Amino acid sequence: MQMIEYWEWFEHYKPLSNPLQDGTERLETYGKELELVVQYASMNNNHVWTELDDGSIVNGYHTVNRSCYYITKVPWTTDVEVHDEELESIYAHDDSKLPEDELADRYWRPENYLL
């Protein structure tokens, strides 16, 4: 498996903008965005990437421990894992340094989903 940095992945594979949500390339793991990912993966899985709960991004459509999906312009041809070493070194095992909104995005907590 090839390991690359996030910026290398972004520049090489060129993630596409989310057509259902302005200002992001991330596609959610539910609703219309998930339907779009599943449809695309069934036709062109080598353009689909899964961001895992640990922040790494792996090629292909995965349903376990995922936080979001990406669809890229350039297809993957070999197994690739993407890491953001700068982010990992800053926040490694110390969530007290994360801004509150990042904590909410990173971890499932019941209070984040109560109306």
N, C-alpha and C. Protein backbone atom coordinates (compact mmCIF):
# COMPACT_ATOMS: atom_id res chain seq x y z
N MET A 1 0.84 -1.18 0.00
CA MET A 1 0.00 0.00 0.00
C MET A 1 0.88 1.24 0.00
N GLN A 2 0.57 2.15 -0.89
CA GLN A 2 1.30 3.41 -0.98
C GLN A 2 0.75 4.39 0.05
N MET A 3 1.64 5.07 0.77
CA MET A 3 1.22 6.08 1.76
C MET A 3 1.64 7.45 1.23
N ILE A 4 0.69 8.41 1.21
CA ILE A 4 0.99 9.76 0.76
C ILE A 4 0.39 10.77 1.71
N GLU A 5 0.87 12.00 1.62
CA GLU A 5 0.35 13.10 2.42
C GLU A 5 -0.94 13.64 1.79
N TYR A 6 -1.75 14.28 2.62
CA TYR A 6 -3.02 14.83 2.16
C TYR A 6 -2.83 15.77 0.97
N TRP A 7 -1.90 16.71 1.06
CA TRP A 7 -1.72 17.69 -0.01
C TRP A 7 -1.30 17.02 -1.32
N GLU A 8 -0.51 15.93 -1.23
CA GLU A 8 -0.12 15.19 -2.43
C GLU A 8 -1.35 14.55 -3.07
N TRP A 9 -2.18 13.95 -2.21
CA TRP A 9 -3.42 13.32 -2.68
C TRP A 9 -4.33 14.35 -3.34
N PHE A 10 -4.50 15.49 -2.68
CA PHE A 10 -5.39 16.53 -3.18
C PHE A 10 -4.92 17.03 -4.54
N GLU A 11 -3.63 17.29 -4.69
CA GLU A 11 -3.09 17.80 -5.95
C GLU A 11 -3.11 16.75 -7.06
N HIS A 12 -2.83 15.50 -6.71
CA HIS A 12 -2.77 14.45 -7.74
C HIS A 12 -4.15 13.94 -8.16
N TYR A 13 -4.99 13.59 -7.19
CA TYR A 13 -6.27 12.95 -7.50
C TYR A 13 -7.41 13.94 -7.74
N LYS A 14 -7.28 15.18 -7.30
CA LYS A 14 -8.22 16.26 -7.58
C LYS A 14 -9.66 15.94 -7.15
N PRO A 15 -9.93 15.95 -5.83
CA PRO A 15 -11.30 15.70 -5.38
C PRO A 15 -12.28 16.73 -5.95
N LEU A 16 -13.43 16.25 -6.38
CA LEU A 16 -14.45 17.11 -6.99
C LEU A 16 -15.29 17.77 -5.90
N SER A 17 -15.82 18.93 -6.21
CA SER A 17 -16.71 19.64 -5.28
C SER A 17 -17.99 18.85 -5.10
N ASN A 18 -18.51 18.89 -3.89
CA ASN A 18 -19.78 18.24 -3.58
C ASN A 18 -20.88 18.99 -4.32
N PRO A 19 -21.61 18.33 -5.23
CA PRO A 19 -22.65 19.01 -6.00
C PRO A 19 -23.89 19.35 -5.18
N LEU A 20 -24.01 18.78 -3.98
CA LEU A 20 -25.19 19.00 -3.15
C LEU A 20 -24.93 19.96 -1.99
N GLN A 21 -23.67 20.40 -1.84
CA GLN A 21 -23.31 21.27 -0.71
C GLN A 21 -22.15 22.16 -1.13
N ASP A 22 -22.35 23.46 -1.11
CA ASP A 22 -21.32 24.39 -1.55
C ASP A 22 -20.13 24.42 -0.61
N GLY A 23 -18.94 24.62 -1.18
CA GLY A 23 -17.74 24.88 -0.40
C GLY A 23 -17.04 23.69 0.20
N THR A 24 -17.33 22.49 -0.26
CA THR A 24 -16.67 21.31 0.29
C THR A 24 -16.55 20.21 -0.76
N GLU A 25 -15.56 19.37 -0.57
CA GLU A 25 -15.42 18.19 -1.41
C GLU A 25 -15.98 16.96 -0.71
N ARG A 26 -16.21 17.08 0.60
CA ARG A 26 -16.68 15.95 1.41
C ARG A 26 -18.13 15.60 1.07
N LEU A 27 -18.41 14.29 1.02
CA LEU A 27 -19.78 13.81 0.84
C LEU A 27 -20.16 13.03 2.09
N GLU A 28 -21.31 13.30 2.62
CA GLU A 28 -21.77 12.70 3.86
C GLU A 28 -22.03 11.20 3.71
N THR A 29 -22.21 10.54 4.84
CA THR A 29 -22.42 9.09 4.88
C THR A 29 -23.90 8.72 5.02
N TYR A 30 -24.77 9.64 4.66
CA TYR A 30 -26.21 9.40 4.77
C TYR A 30 -26.94 10.26 3.73
N GLY A 31 -28.21 9.97 3.54
CA GLY A 31 -29.08 10.79 2.70
C GLY A 31 -28.69 10.81 1.22
N LYS A 32 -29.01 11.93 0.58
CA LYS A 32 -28.79 12.10 -0.86
C LYS A 32 -27.31 12.00 -1.23
N GLU A 33 -26.43 12.48 -0.33
CA GLU A 33 -25.00 12.43 -0.62
C GLU A 33 -24.50 10.99 -0.64
N LEU A 34 -24.97 10.17 0.29
CA LEU A 34 -24.60 8.75 0.28
C LEU A 34 -25.16 8.06 -0.96
N GLU A 35 -26.39 8.38 -1.34
CA GLU A 35 -26.97 7.81 -2.55
C GLU A 35 -26.10 8.12 -3.77
N LEU A 36 -25.59 9.35 -3.83
CA LEU A 36 -24.71 9.74 -4.93
C LEU A 36 -23.42 8.92 -4.92
N VAL A 37 -22.82 8.75 -3.74
CA VAL A 37 -21.58 7.98 -3.62
C VAL A 37 -21.82 6.53 -4.03
N VAL A 38 -22.89 5.91 -3.54
CA VAL A 38 -23.19 4.51 -3.86
C VAL A 38 -23.40 4.35 -5.37
N GLN A 39 -24.14 5.26 -5.95
CA GLN A 39 -24.38 5.21 -7.40
C GLN A 39 -23.06 5.35 -8.16
N TYR A 40 -22.24 6.29 -7.76
CA TYR A 40 -20.95 6.49 -8.44
C TYR A 40 -20.03 5.30 -8.23
N ALA A 41 -20.00 4.77 -7.01
CA ALA A 41 -19.13 3.63 -6.71
C ALA A 41 -19.52 2.41 -7.53
N SER A 42 -20.81 2.25 -7.81
CA SER A 42 -21.24 1.09 -8.59
C SER A 42 -20.79 1.18 -10.04
N MET A 43 -20.52 2.40 -10.51
CA MET A 43 -20.07 2.59 -11.89
C MET A 43 -18.57 2.82 -12.00
N ASN A 44 -17.99 3.56 -11.04
CA ASN A 44 -16.60 4.00 -11.10
C ASN A 44 -15.96 3.96 -9.73
N ASN A 45 -15.87 2.80 -9.11
CA ASN A 45 -15.35 2.72 -7.75
C ASN A 45 -13.93 3.27 -7.63
N ASN A 46 -13.16 3.26 -8.70
CA ASN A 46 -11.78 3.73 -8.60
C ASN A 46 -11.67 5.26 -8.59
N HIS A 47 -12.79 5.94 -8.50
CA HIS A 47 -12.81 7.39 -8.30
C HIS A 47 -13.31 7.74 -6.89
N VAL A 48 -13.69 6.73 -6.12
CA VAL A 48 -14.29 6.94 -4.80
C VAL A 48 -13.25 6.69 -3.72
N TRP A 49 -13.27 7.55 -2.69
CA TRP A 49 -12.36 7.46 -1.55
C TRP A 49 -13.18 7.56 -0.27
N THR A 50 -12.70 6.91 0.79
CA THR A 50 -13.39 6.93 2.08
C THR A 50 -12.46 7.53 3.13
N GLU A 51 -12.95 8.55 3.82
CA GLU A 51 -12.21 9.08 4.97
C GLU A 51 -12.65 8.30 6.20
N LEU A 52 -11.69 7.74 6.90
CA LEU A 52 -11.98 6.92 8.08
C LEU A 52 -12.04 7.77 9.34
N ASP A 53 -12.57 7.18 10.41
CA ASP A 53 -12.71 7.89 11.68
C ASP A 53 -11.39 8.40 12.24
N ASP A 54 -10.27 7.78 11.86
CA ASP A 54 -8.97 8.23 12.36
C ASP A 54 -8.39 9.38 11.54
N GLY A 55 -9.12 9.83 10.51
CA GLY A 55 -8.67 10.94 9.68
C GLY A 55 -7.92 10.53 8.43
N SER A 56 -7.56 9.26 8.32
CA SER A 56 -6.88 8.80 7.10
C SER A 56 -7.92 8.63 5.99
N ILE A 57 -7.44 8.67 4.76
CA ILE A 57 -8.30 8.49 3.59
C ILE A 57 -7.79 7.29 2.83
N VAL A 58 -8.69 6.37 2.49
CA VAL A 58 -8.30 5.16 1.75
C VAL A 58 -9.11 5.08 0.46
N ASN A 59 -8.51 4.46 -0.54
CA ASN A 59 -9.19 4.33 -1.82
C ASN A 59 -10.34 3.34 -1.72
N GLY A 60 -11.41 3.62 -2.47
CA GLY A 60 -12.56 2.73 -2.53
C GLY A 60 -13.70 3.14 -1.61
N TYR A 61 -14.79 2.44 -1.78
CA TYR A 61 -16.01 2.66 -1.00
C TYR A 61 -16.02 1.69 0.17
N HIS A 62 -15.99 2.21 1.38
CA HIS A 62 -16.00 1.40 2.60
C HIS A 62 -17.14 1.85 3.48
N THR A 63 -17.72 0.91 4.23
CA THR A 63 -18.89 1.24 5.05
C THR A 63 -18.63 1.17 6.55
N VAL A 64 -17.43 0.77 6.96
CA VAL A 64 -17.13 0.63 8.38
C VAL A 64 -16.14 1.72 8.79
N ASN A 65 -16.38 2.34 9.94
CA ASN A 65 -15.48 3.36 10.50
C ASN A 65 -15.24 4.53 9.55
N ARG A 66 -16.25 4.92 8.79
CA ARG A 66 -16.07 6.01 7.83
C ARG A 66 -16.68 7.28 8.37
N SER A 67 -16.08 8.42 7.98
CA SER A 67 -16.65 9.71 8.40
C SER A 67 -17.17 10.49 7.20
N CYS A 68 -16.64 10.24 6.00
CA CYS A 68 -17.17 10.87 4.79
C CYS A 68 -16.56 10.20 3.57
N TYR A 69 -17.00 10.66 2.40
CA TYR A 69 -16.50 10.14 1.14
C TYR A 69 -16.01 11.29 0.26
N TYR A 70 -15.20 10.94 -0.73
CA TYR A 70 -14.75 11.87 -1.76
C TYR A 70 -14.87 11.18 -3.10
N ILE A 71 -15.13 11.95 -4.13
CA ILE A 71 -15.07 11.48 -5.51
C ILE A 71 -14.01 12.32 -6.20
N THR A 72 -13.08 11.65 -6.87
CA THR A 72 -11.97 12.37 -7.48
C THR A 72 -12.02 12.33 -9.01
N LYS A 73 -11.40 13.34 -9.60
CA LYS A 73 -11.31 13.41 -11.07
C LYS A 73 -10.37 12.34 -11.59
N VAL A 74 -9.26 12.13 -10.90
CA VAL A 74 -8.25 11.16 -11.32
C VAL A 74 -8.50 9.84 -10.57
N PRO A 75 -8.62 8.72 -11.27
CA PRO A 75 -8.87 7.44 -10.61
C PRO A 75 -7.62 6.90 -9.91
N TRP A 76 -7.84 6.08 -8.89
CA TRP A 76 -6.72 5.38 -8.26
C TRP A 76 -6.52 4.05 -9.01
N THR A 77 -5.26 3.61 -9.05
CA THR A 77 -4.95 2.36 -9.75
C THR A 77 -4.29 1.35 -8.82
N THR A 78 -3.81 1.81 -7.66
CA THR A 78 -3.22 0.92 -6.65
C THR A 78 -3.77 1.35 -5.29
N ASP A 79 -3.59 0.51 -4.28
CA ASP A 79 -4.05 0.86 -2.94
C ASP A 79 -3.24 2.03 -2.41
N VAL A 80 -3.96 3.05 -1.91
CA VAL A 80 -3.35 4.26 -1.40
C VAL A 80 -3.98 4.59 -0.05
N GLU A 81 -3.15 5.03 0.88
CA GLU A 81 -3.65 5.54 2.16
C GLU A 81 -3.08 6.94 2.34
N VAL A 82 -3.96 7.88 2.68
CA VAL A 82 -3.60 9.28 2.78
C VAL A 82 -3.56 9.68 4.25
N HIS A 83 -2.50 10.36 4.64
CA HIS A 83 -2.36 10.84 6.01
C HIS A 83 -2.03 12.32 5.99
N ASP A 84 -2.44 13.01 7.02
CA ASP A 84 -2.07 14.41 7.22
C ASP A 84 -1.17 14.43 8.45
N GLU A 85 0.13 14.25 8.23
CA GLU A 85 1.08 14.14 9.35
C GLU A 85 1.11 15.38 10.21
N GLU A 86 0.96 16.55 9.59
CA GLU A 86 0.97 17.79 10.37
C GLU A 86 -0.19 17.80 11.36
N LEU A 87 -1.37 17.48 10.89
CA LEU A 87 -2.53 17.43 11.76
C LEU A 87 -2.39 16.34 12.81
N GLU A 88 -1.89 15.18 12.39
CA GLU A 88 -1.72 14.08 13.33
C GLU A 88 -0.72 14.43 14.43
N SER A 89 0.36 15.12 14.10
CA SER A 89 1.36 15.46 15.11
C SER A 89 0.84 16.52 16.07
N ILE A 90 0.00 17.42 15.60
CA ILE A 90 -0.54 18.46 16.48
C ILE A 90 -1.55 17.87 17.45
N TYR A 91 -2.43 17.03 16.93
CA TYR A 91 -3.54 16.54 17.73
C TYR A 91 -3.40 15.11 18.22
N ALA A 92 -2.26 14.49 18.01
CA ALA A 92 -2.09 13.08 18.36
C ALA A 92 -2.46 12.80 19.81
N HIS A 93 -3.54 12.06 19.97
CA HIS A 93 -4.00 11.58 21.28
C HIS A 93 -4.24 12.69 22.31
N ASP A 94 -4.41 13.92 21.88
CA ASP A 94 -4.69 15.01 22.82
C ASP A 94 -5.84 15.84 22.28
N ASP A 95 -7.06 15.39 22.53
CA ASP A 95 -8.24 16.07 22.01
C ASP A 95 -8.49 17.40 22.68
N SER A 96 -7.80 17.70 23.77
CA SER A 96 -8.01 18.98 24.44
C SER A 96 -7.56 20.14 23.56
N LYS A 97 -6.74 19.88 22.54
CA LYS A 97 -6.26 20.93 21.65
C LYS A 97 -7.20 21.19 20.48
N LEU A 98 -8.17 20.30 20.28
CA LEU A 98 -9.10 20.47 19.17
C LEU A 98 -10.13 21.54 19.47
N PRO A 99 -10.44 22.39 18.49
CA PRO A 99 -11.55 23.33 18.67
C PRO A 99 -12.85 22.56 18.88
N GLU A 100 -13.79 23.14 19.59
CA GLU A 100 -15.04 22.45 19.95
C GLU A 100 -15.79 21.94 18.72
N ASP A 101 -15.81 22.73 17.64
CA ASP A 101 -16.54 22.27 16.45
C ASP A 101 -15.86 21.07 15.80
N GLU A 102 -14.54 20.97 15.88
CA GLU A 102 -13.85 19.79 15.36
C GLU A 102 -14.11 18.58 16.22
N LEU A 103 -14.22 18.78 17.53
CA LEU A 103 -14.55 17.67 18.42
C LEU A 103 -15.91 17.11 18.05
N ALA A 104 -16.87 17.99 17.80
CA ALA A 104 -18.21 17.54 17.44
C ALA A 104 -18.19 16.75 16.14
N ASP A 105 -17.36 17.17 15.18
CA ASP A 105 -17.27 16.45 13.91
C ASP A 105 -16.55 15.13 14.06
N ARG A 106 -15.59 15.06 14.97
CA ARG A 106 -14.71 13.90 15.08
C ARG A 106 -15.34 12.74 15.85
N TYR A 107 -16.15 13.05 16.83
CA TYR A 107 -16.70 12.01 17.69
C TYR A 107 -18.22 12.06 17.71
N TRP A 108 -18.82 10.88 17.72
CA TRP A 108 -20.26 10.81 17.85
C TRP A 108 -20.61 11.00 19.31
N ARG A 109 -21.47 11.95 19.58
CA ARG A 109 -21.97 12.19 20.93
C ARG A 109 -23.47 12.40 20.83
N PRO A 110 -24.23 11.80 21.71
CA PRO A 110 -25.70 11.94 21.61
C PRO A 110 -26.15 13.39 21.59
N GLU A 111 -25.52 14.28 22.34
CA GLU A 111 -25.97 15.66 22.39
C GLU A 111 -25.80 16.37 21.05
N ASN A 112 -24.96 15.85 20.18
CA ASN A 112 -24.81 16.46 18.85
C ASN A 112 -26.00 16.16 17.95
N TYR A 113 -26.81 15.19 18.32
CA TYR A 113 -27.89 14.75 17.46
C TYR A 113 -29.27 14.97 18.06
N LEU A 114 -29.32 15.54 19.25
CA LEU A 114 -30.62 15.82 19.87
C LEU A 114 -31.17 17.12 19.31
N LEU A 115 -32.45 17.14 19.05
CA LEU A 115 -33.10 18.34 18.53
C LEU A 115 -33.54 19.25 19.64
